[in-house]
Amino acid sequence: MQNKWEKLISLFKEWNSRINLSAIRDEESIKIKHIDDSLIILSDEFLLKFPQIRNLLQKKWLKICDVGTGWGFPLLPLAISLPNAKFLGIEARNKKVKAVNDIIKRLWLKNAKVIWSRAEQEKKQCDIVTARAVAYITKLLPWVSHLVKKWGYLLLYKLVSDEEYEDLKNIIKKYWFKLDWFFDYKLFDKDILRRIYVLKKEK
């Protein structure tokens, strides 16, 4: 597994030097701010708080969609860590689709692909949908709600914002979601406070 992480970082740096995927360029920052952040939903602390996600991750033929895949996070680390799940990334910028699909190919990941599209145009439903720093909640939910199966989950990677939290509470019922709660964390001591919202689709 360690070789996979090293190769992922190497391939990301290679593509980043060509098309400027991210301002995060050194290996340690890539590991902490991209890989570790992506994998927070697989951490013991998160799964103890949300055993329903742990149970869902054990499901056979689990389907996970990553909306606004961008430069491949959380899709790539999750696909490496969950080889029995099937991953679909949706990304509107073609240059990033090409970059991430090339990384997928060179990592020999058979369980993931990224398509050039917009979330609101896709119809395939998944057990879990992730979105990491994609858009403000009032824009995001109309784009992605139809992608989540009934009783499936939408996991939103966000920074802590009281205003966005209030807007989320006011809008989720319109799209048949229930807020199971949220998970706050930091990636390192002086990091900003980050949050994962766990939304369950009820209809």
C-alpha atoms as a PDB file:
ATOM      1  CA  MET A   1       0.000   0.000   0.000  1.00  0.00           C
ATOM      2  CA  GLN A   2       2.854   2.379   0.805  1.00  0.00           C
ATOM      3  CA  ASN A   3       4.098   2.133  -2.778  1.00  0.00           C
ATOM      4  CA  LYS A   4       0.635   3.158  -3.996  1.00  0.00           C
ATOM      5  CA  TRP A   5       0.745   6.364  -1.942  1.00  0.00           C
ATOM      6  CA  GLU A   6       4.257   7.180  -3.122  1.00  0.00           C
ATOM      7  CA  LYS A   7       3.279   6.575  -6.728  1.00  0.00           C
ATOM      8  CA  LEU A   8       0.094   8.619  -6.355  1.00  0.00           C
ATOM      9  CA  ILE A   9       2.091  11.559  -5.002  1.00  0.00           C
ATOM     10  CA  SER A  10       4.657  11.212  -7.796  1.00  0.00           C
ATOM     11  CA  LEU A  11       1.995  11.099 -10.527  1.00  0.00           C
ATOM     12  CA  PHE A  12       0.107  14.004  -9.002  1.00  0.00           C
ATOM     13  CA  LYS A  13       3.290  16.104  -8.905  1.00  0.00           C
ATOM     14  CA  GLU A  14       4.037  15.173 -12.527  1.00  0.00           C
ATOM     15  CA  TRP A  15       0.614  16.290 -13.744  1.00  0.00           C
ATOM     16  CA  ASN A  16       0.612  19.339 -11.476  1.00  0.00           C
ATOM     17  CA  SER A  17       3.811  20.561 -13.110  1.00  0.00           C
ATOM     18  CA  ARG A  18       2.122  20.286 -16.515  1.00  0.00           C
ATOM     19  CA  ILE A  19      -1.353  21.769 -16.015  1.00  0.00           C
ATOM     20  CA  ASN A  20      -1.320  23.333 -12.519  1.00  0.00           C
ATOM     21  CA  LEU A  21      -3.841  21.085 -10.810  1.00  0.00           C
ATOM     22  CA  SER A  22      -3.228  22.491  -7.345  1.00  0.00           C
ATOM     23  CA  ALA A  23      -1.193  25.072  -5.439  1.00  0.00           C
ATOM     24  CA  ILE A  24      -0.216  22.286  -3.040  1.00  0.00           C
ATOM     25  CA  ARG A  25       3.029  20.931  -4.505  1.00  0.00           C
ATOM     26  CA  ASP A  26       5.400  19.468  -1.899  1.00  0.00           C
ATOM     27  CA  GLU A  27       5.074  15.805  -0.959  1.00  0.00           C
ATOM     28  CA  GLU A  28       4.280  16.303   2.724  1.00  0.00           C
ATOM     29  CA  SER A  29       1.506  18.800   1.987  1.00  0.00           C
ATOM     30  CA  ILE A  30       0.026  16.554  -0.707  1.00  0.00           C
ATOM     31  CA  LYS A  31      -0.045  13.671   1.762  1.00  0.00           C
ATOM     32  CA  ILE A  32      -1.612  15.669   4.597  1.00  0.00           C
ATOM     33  CA  LYS A  33      -3.896  18.137   2.798  1.00  0.00           C
ATOM     34  CA  HIS A  34      -5.096  15.864  -0.008  1.00  0.00           C
ATOM     35  CA  ILE A  35      -4.606  12.186   0.885  1.00  0.00           C
ATOM     36  CA  ASP A  36      -5.160  12.317   4.662  1.00  0.00           C
ATOM     37  CA  ASP A  37      -8.085  14.691   4.220  1.00  0.00           C
ATOM     38  CA  SER A  38      -9.670  12.380   1.639  1.00  0.00           C
ATOM     39  CA  LEU A  39      -9.350   9.381   3.954  1.00  0.00           C
ATOM     40  CA  ILE A  40     -10.882  11.021   7.030  1.00  0.00           C
ATOM     41  CA  ILE A  41     -14.173   9.205   6.348  1.00  0.00           C
ATOM     42  CA  LEU A  42     -12.324   5.882   6.730  1.00  0.00           C
ATOM     43  CA  SER A  43     -10.707   6.852  10.049  1.00  0.00           C
ATOM     44  CA  ASP A  44     -11.604   4.949  13.216  1.00  0.00           C
ATOM     45  CA  GLU A  45     -12.776   8.150  14.879  1.00  0.00           C
ATOM     46  CA  PHE A  46     -15.201   8.956  12.057  1.00  0.00           C
ATOM     47  CA  LEU A  47     -16.534   5.391  11.698  1.00  0.00           C
ATOM     48  CA  LEU A  48     -17.089   5.053  15.448  1.00  0.00           C
ATOM     49  CA  LYS A  49     -19.260   8.156  15.314  1.00  0.00           C
ATOM     50  CA  PHE A  50     -21.078   6.980  12.182  1.00  0.00           C
ATOM     51  CA  PRO A  51     -21.379   3.164  12.330  1.00  0.00           C
ATOM     52  CA  GLN A  52     -24.010   3.352   9.599  1.00  0.00           C
ATOM     53  CA  ILE A  53     -21.257   4.450   7.190  1.00  0.00           C
ATOM     54  CA  ARG A  54     -18.991   1.661   8.420  1.00  0.00           C
ATOM     55  CA  ASN A  55     -21.758  -0.858   7.727  1.00  0.00           C
ATOM     56  CA  LEU A  56     -22.394   0.583   4.283  1.00  0.00           C
ATOM     57  CA  LEU A  57     -18.700   0.372   3.398  1.00  0.00           C
ATOM     58  CA  GLN A  58     -18.876  -3.376   4.010  1.00  0.00           C
ATOM     59  CA  LYS A  59     -21.612  -3.795   1.408  1.00  0.00           C
ATOM     60  CA  LYS A  60     -20.819  -5.881  -1.659  1.00  0.00           C
ATOM     61  CA  TRP A  61     -20.914  -3.986  -4.968  1.00  0.00           C
ATOM     62  CA  LEU A  62     -20.815  -0.640  -3.196  1.00  0.00           C
ATOM     63  CA  LYS A  63     -21.081   2.278  -5.619  1.00  0.00           C
ATOM     64  CA  ILE A  64     -19.502   5.616  -4.741  1.00  0.00           C
ATOM     65  CA  CYS A  65     -19.718   8.787  -6.813  1.00  0.00           C
ATOM     66  CA  ASP A  66     -17.352  11.710  -6.316  1.00  0.00           C
ATOM     67  CA  VAL A  67     -18.832  14.963  -7.596  1.00  0.00           C
ATOM     68  CA  GLY A  68     -16.447  17.691  -8.703  1.00  0.00           C
ATOM     69  CA  THR A  69     -13.517  15.284  -8.618  1.00  0.00           C
ATOM     70  CA  GLY A  70     -11.105  18.035  -9.645  1.00  0.00           C
ATOM     71  CA  TRP A  71      -7.551  16.776  -9.216  1.00  0.00           C
ATOM     72  CA  GLY A  72      -8.684  13.395  -7.878  1.00  0.00           C
ATOM     73  CA  PHE A  73      -9.437  13.840  -4.201  1.00  0.00           C
ATOM     74  CA  PRO A  74     -11.112  12.133  -2.414  1.00  0.00           C
ATOM     75  CA  LEU A  75     -11.693   9.707  -5.316  1.00  0.00           C
ATOM     76  CA  LEU A  76      -8.124   8.405  -5.758  1.00  0.00           C
ATOM     77  CA  PRO A  77      -7.265   7.703  -2.080  1.00  0.00           C
ATOM     78  CA  LEU A  78     -10.689   6.144  -1.490  1.00  0.00           C
ATOM     79  CA  ALA A  79     -10.420   3.939  -4.596  1.00  0.00           C
ATOM     80  CA  ILE A  80      -6.991   2.729  -3.450  1.00  0.00           C
ATOM     81  CA  SER A  81      -8.277   2.007   0.073  1.00  0.00           C
ATOM     82  CA  LEU A  82     -11.574   0.369  -0.983  1.00  0.00           C
ATOM     83  CA  PRO A  83     -10.642  -1.947  -3.876  1.00  0.00           C
ATOM     84  CA  ASN A  84     -13.981  -3.786  -3.754  1.00  0.00           C
ATOM     85  CA  ALA A  85     -16.056  -0.640  -4.240  1.00  0.00           C
ATOM     86  CA  LYS A  86     -16.822   0.880  -7.634  1.00  0.00           C
ATOM     87  CA  PHE A  87     -16.023   4.597  -8.072  1.00  0.00           C
ATOM     88  CA  LEU A  88     -17.304   7.149 -10.543  1.00  0.00           C
ATOM     89  CA  GLY A  89     -15.866  10.654 -10.645  1.00  0.00           C
ATOM     90  CA  ILE A  90     -17.740  13.527 -12.275  1.00  0.00           C
ATOM     91  CA  GLU A  91     -15.702  16.532 -13.365  1.00  0.00           C
ATOM     92  CA  ALA A  92     -16.645  19.467 -15.618  1.00  0.00           C
ATOM     93  CA  ARG A  93     -13.086  20.428 -16.645  1.00  0.00           C
ATOM     94  CA  ASN A  94     -11.788  18.092 -19.317  1.00  0.00           C
ATOM     95  CA  LYS A  95      -8.090  18.674 -18.620  1.00  0.00           C
ATOM     96  CA  LYS A  96      -8.574  17.395 -15.069  1.00  0.00           C
ATOM     97  CA  VAL A  97     -10.586  14.405 -16.297  1.00  0.00           C
ATOM     98  CA  LYS A  98      -7.688  13.435 -18.559  1.00  0.00           C
ATOM     99  CA  ALA A  99      -5.149  13.894 -15.759  1.00  0.00           C
ATOM    100  CA  VAL A 100      -7.031  11.838 -13.166  1.00  0.00           C
ATOM    101  CA  ASN A 101      -7.889   9.054 -15.628  1.00  0.00           C
ATOM    102  CA  ASP A 102      -4.209   8.854 -16.554  1.00  0.00           C
ATOM    103  CA  ILE A 103      -3.295   8.541 -12.865  1.00  0.00           C
ATOM    104  CA  ILE A 104      -5.969   5.839 -12.451  1.00  0.00           C
ATOM    105  CA  LYS A 105      -4.504   3.921 -15.397  1.00  0.00           C
ATOM    106  CA  ARG A 106      -0.922   4.194 -14.166  1.00  0.00           C
ATOM    107  CA  LEU A 107      -1.919   3.132 -10.649  1.00  0.00           C
ATOM    108  CA  TRP A 108      -3.658   0.073 -12.118  1.00  0.00           C
ATOM    109  CA  LEU A 109      -6.920   0.992 -10.387  1.00  0.00           C
ATOM    110  CA  LYS A 110      -9.607  -1.187 -11.942  1.00  0.00           C
ATOM    111  CA  ASN A 111     -12.411   0.163  -9.767  1.00  0.00           C
ATOM    112  CA  ALA A 112     -12.476   3.833 -10.753  1.00  0.00           C
ATOM    113  CA  LYS A 113     -13.068   6.146 -13.692  1.00  0.00           C
ATOM    114  CA  VAL A 114     -13.794   9.838 -14.201  1.00  0.00           C
ATOM    115  CA  ILE A 115     -16.212  11.211 -16.782  1.00  0.00           C
ATOM    116  CA  TRP A 116     -16.356  14.666 -18.332  1.00  0.00           C
ATOM    117  CA  SER A 117     -19.782  15.885 -17.301  1.00  0.00           C
ATOM    118  CA  ARG A 118     -21.781  17.909 -14.810  1.00  0.00           C
ATOM    119  CA  ALA A 119     -23.513  16.295 -11.848  1.00  0.00           C
ATOM    120  CA  GLU A 120     -26.932  17.665 -12.774  1.00  0.00           C
ATOM    121  CA  GLN A 121     -26.723  15.906 -16.165  1.00  0.00           C
ATOM    122  CA  GLU A 122     -26.008  12.434 -14.766  1.00  0.00           C
ATOM    123  CA  LYS A 123     -28.660   9.916 -13.712  1.00  0.00           C
ATOM    124  CA  LYS A 124     -26.727   6.988 -12.223  1.00  0.00           C
ATOM    125  CA  GLN A 125     -27.479   6.615  -8.504  1.00  0.00           C
ATOM    126  CA  CYS A 126     -24.928   5.537  -5.914  1.00  0.00           C
ATOM    127  CA  ASP A 127     -24.842   4.325  -2.315  1.00  0.00           C
ATOM    128  CA  ILE A 128     -22.499   7.128  -1.282  1.00  0.00           C
ATOM    129  CA  VAL A 129     -21.858  10.465  -2.980  1.00  0.00           C
ATOM    130  CA  THR A 130     -18.908  12.595  -1.912  1.00  0.00           C
ATOM    131  CA  ALA A 131     -18.209  16.251  -2.658  1.00  0.00           C
ATOM    132  CA  ARG A 132     -15.051  17.964  -1.429  1.00  0.00           C
ATOM    133  CA  ALA A 133     -14.944  21.763  -1.507  1.00  0.00           C
ATOM    134  CA  VAL A 134     -17.199  21.876  -4.568  1.00  0.00           C
ATOM    135  CA  ALA A 135     -19.802  24.609  -4.018  1.00  0.00           C
ATOM    136  CA  TYR A 136     -21.909  26.357  -1.399  1.00  0.00           C
ATOM    137  CA  ILE A 137     -24.661  24.143  -0.025  1.00  0.00           C
ATOM    138  CA  THR A 138     -27.580  25.974  -1.679  1.00  0.00           C
ATOM    139  CA  LYS A 139     -26.012  25.408  -5.101  1.00  0.00           C
ATOM    140  CA  LEU A 140     -24.640  21.955  -4.411  1.00  0.00           C
ATOM    141  CA  LEU A 141     -27.721  20.095  -3.176  1.00  0.00           C
ATOM    142  CA  PRO A 142     -29.827  20.738  -6.313  1.00  0.00           C
ATOM    143  CA  TRP A 143     -26.929  19.435  -8.413  1.00  0.00           C
ATOM    144  CA  VAL A 144     -26.300  16.197  -6.532  1.00  0.00           C
ATOM    145  CA  SER A 145     -29.406  15.075  -4.614  1.00  0.00           C
ATOM    146  CA  HIS A 146     -30.705  12.863  -7.450  1.00  0.00           C
ATOM    147  CA  LEU A 147     -27.414  10.911  -7.514  1.00  0.00           C
ATOM    148  CA  VAL A 148     -27.937   9.472  -4.011  1.00  0.00           C
ATOM    149  CA  LYS A 149     -29.949   6.264  -3.679  1.00  0.00           C
ATOM    150  CA  LYS A 150     -32.788   6.039  -1.177  1.00  0.00           C
ATOM    151  CA  TRP A 151     -31.195   5.355   2.226  1.00  0.00           C
ATOM    152  CA  GLY A 152     -27.822   6.284   0.719  1.00  0.00           C
ATOM    153  CA  TYR A 153     -25.514   9.005   2.021  1.00  0.00           C
ATOM    154  CA  LEU A 154     -24.138  12.315   0.852  1.00  0.00           C
ATOM    155  CA  LEU A 155     -20.804  13.156   2.510  1.00  0.00           C
ATOM    156  CA  LEU A 156     -19.806  16.792   2.178  1.00  0.00           C
ATOM    157  CA  TYR A 157     -16.229  17.902   2.888  1.00  0.00           C
ATOM    158  CA  LYS A 158     -16.476  21.503   4.101  1.00  0.00           C
ATOM    159  CA  LEU A 159     -14.828  24.162   6.209  1.00  0.00           C
ATOM    160  CA  VAL A 160     -16.767  25.091   9.328  1.00  0.00           C
ATOM    161  CA  SER A 161     -19.214  27.915   8.626  1.00  0.00           C
ATOM    162  CA  ASP A 162     -22.141  28.798  10.885  1.00  0.00           C
ATOM    163  CA  GLU A 163     -23.903  30.512   7.991  1.00  0.00           C
ATOM    164  CA  GLU A 164     -23.605  27.477   5.698  1.00  0.00           C
ATOM    165  CA  TYR A 165     -24.719  25.177   8.506  1.00  0.00           C
ATOM    166  CA  GLU A 166     -27.900  27.203   8.977  1.00  0.00           C
ATOM    167  CA  ASP A 167     -28.555  27.239   5.230  1.00  0.00           C
ATOM    168  CA  LEU A 168     -28.020  23.482   5.104  1.00  0.00           C
ATOM    169  CA  LYS A 169     -30.586  22.870   7.854  1.00  0.00           C
ATOM    170  CA  ASN A 170     -33.097  25.036   6.005  1.00  0.00           C
ATOM    171  CA  ILE A 171     -32.719  23.332   2.624  1.00  0.00           C
ATOM    172  CA  ILE A 172     -32.108  19.621   3.196  1.00  0.00           C
ATOM    173  CA  LYS A 173     -35.767  18.589   3.647  1.00  0.00           C
ATOM    174  CA  LYS A 174     -36.581  20.004   0.230  1.00  0.00           C
ATOM    175  CA  TYR A 175     -34.232  17.403  -1.280  1.00  0.00           C
ATOM    176  CA  TRP A 176     -35.335  14.531   1.022  1.00  0.00           C
ATOM    177  CA  PHE A 177     -32.215  14.506   3.173  1.00  0.00           C
ATOM    178  CA  LYS A 178     -31.815  14.124   6.908  1.00  0.00           C
ATOM    179  CA  LEU A 179     -28.733  15.444   8.683  1.00  0.00           C
ATOM    180  CA  ASP A 180     -27.295  12.516  10.631  1.00  0.00           C
ATOM    181  CA  TRP A 181     -24.838  15.020  12.130  1.00  0.00           C
ATOM    182  CA  PHE A 182     -21.351  16.224  11.311  1.00  0.00           C
ATOM    183  CA  PHE A 183     -17.735  15.464  12.101  1.00  0.00           C
ATOM    184  CA  ASP A 184     -15.257  18.256  12.887  1.00  0.00           C
ATOM    185  CA  TYR A 185     -11.512  17.704  12.596  1.00  0.00           C
ATOM    186  CA  LYS A 186      -8.105  19.232  11.951  1.00  0.00           C
ATOM    187  CA  LEU A 187      -5.355  17.709   9.836  1.00  0.00           C
ATOM    188  CA  PHE A 188      -2.570  19.193  11.982  1.00  0.00           C
ATOM    189  CA  ASP A 189      -2.243  21.337  15.110  1.00  0.00           C
ATOM    190  CA  LYS A 190      -2.629  24.780  13.572  1.00  0.00           C
ATOM    191  CA  ASP A 191      -4.986  23.737  10.794  1.00  0.00           C
ATOM    192  CA  ILE A 192      -8.319  25.406  10.120  1.00  0.00           C
ATOM    193  CA  LEU A 193     -11.367  23.564  11.446  1.00  0.00           C
ATOM    194  CA  ARG A 194     -12.846  21.238   8.836  1.00  0.00           C
ATOM    195  CA  ARG A 195     -16.184  19.427   8.758  1.00  0.00           C
ATOM    196  CA  ILE A 196     -17.827  16.418   7.131  1.00  0.00           C
ATOM    197  CA  TYR A 197     -21.615  16.655   6.885  1.00  0.00           C
ATOM    198  CA  VAL A 198     -23.342  13.250   6.819  1.00  0.00           C
ATOM    199  CA  LEU A 199     -26.691  13.479   5.037  1.00  0.00           C
ATOM    200  CA  LYS A 200     -29.030  10.488   4.635  1.00  0.00           C
ATOM    201  CA  LYS A 201     -31.418  10.303   1.664  1.00  0.00           C
ATOM    202  CA  GLU A 202     -34.881   9.342   2.891  1.00  0.00           C
ATOM    203  CA  LYS A 203     -36.897   9.348  -0.341  1.00  0.00           C
END
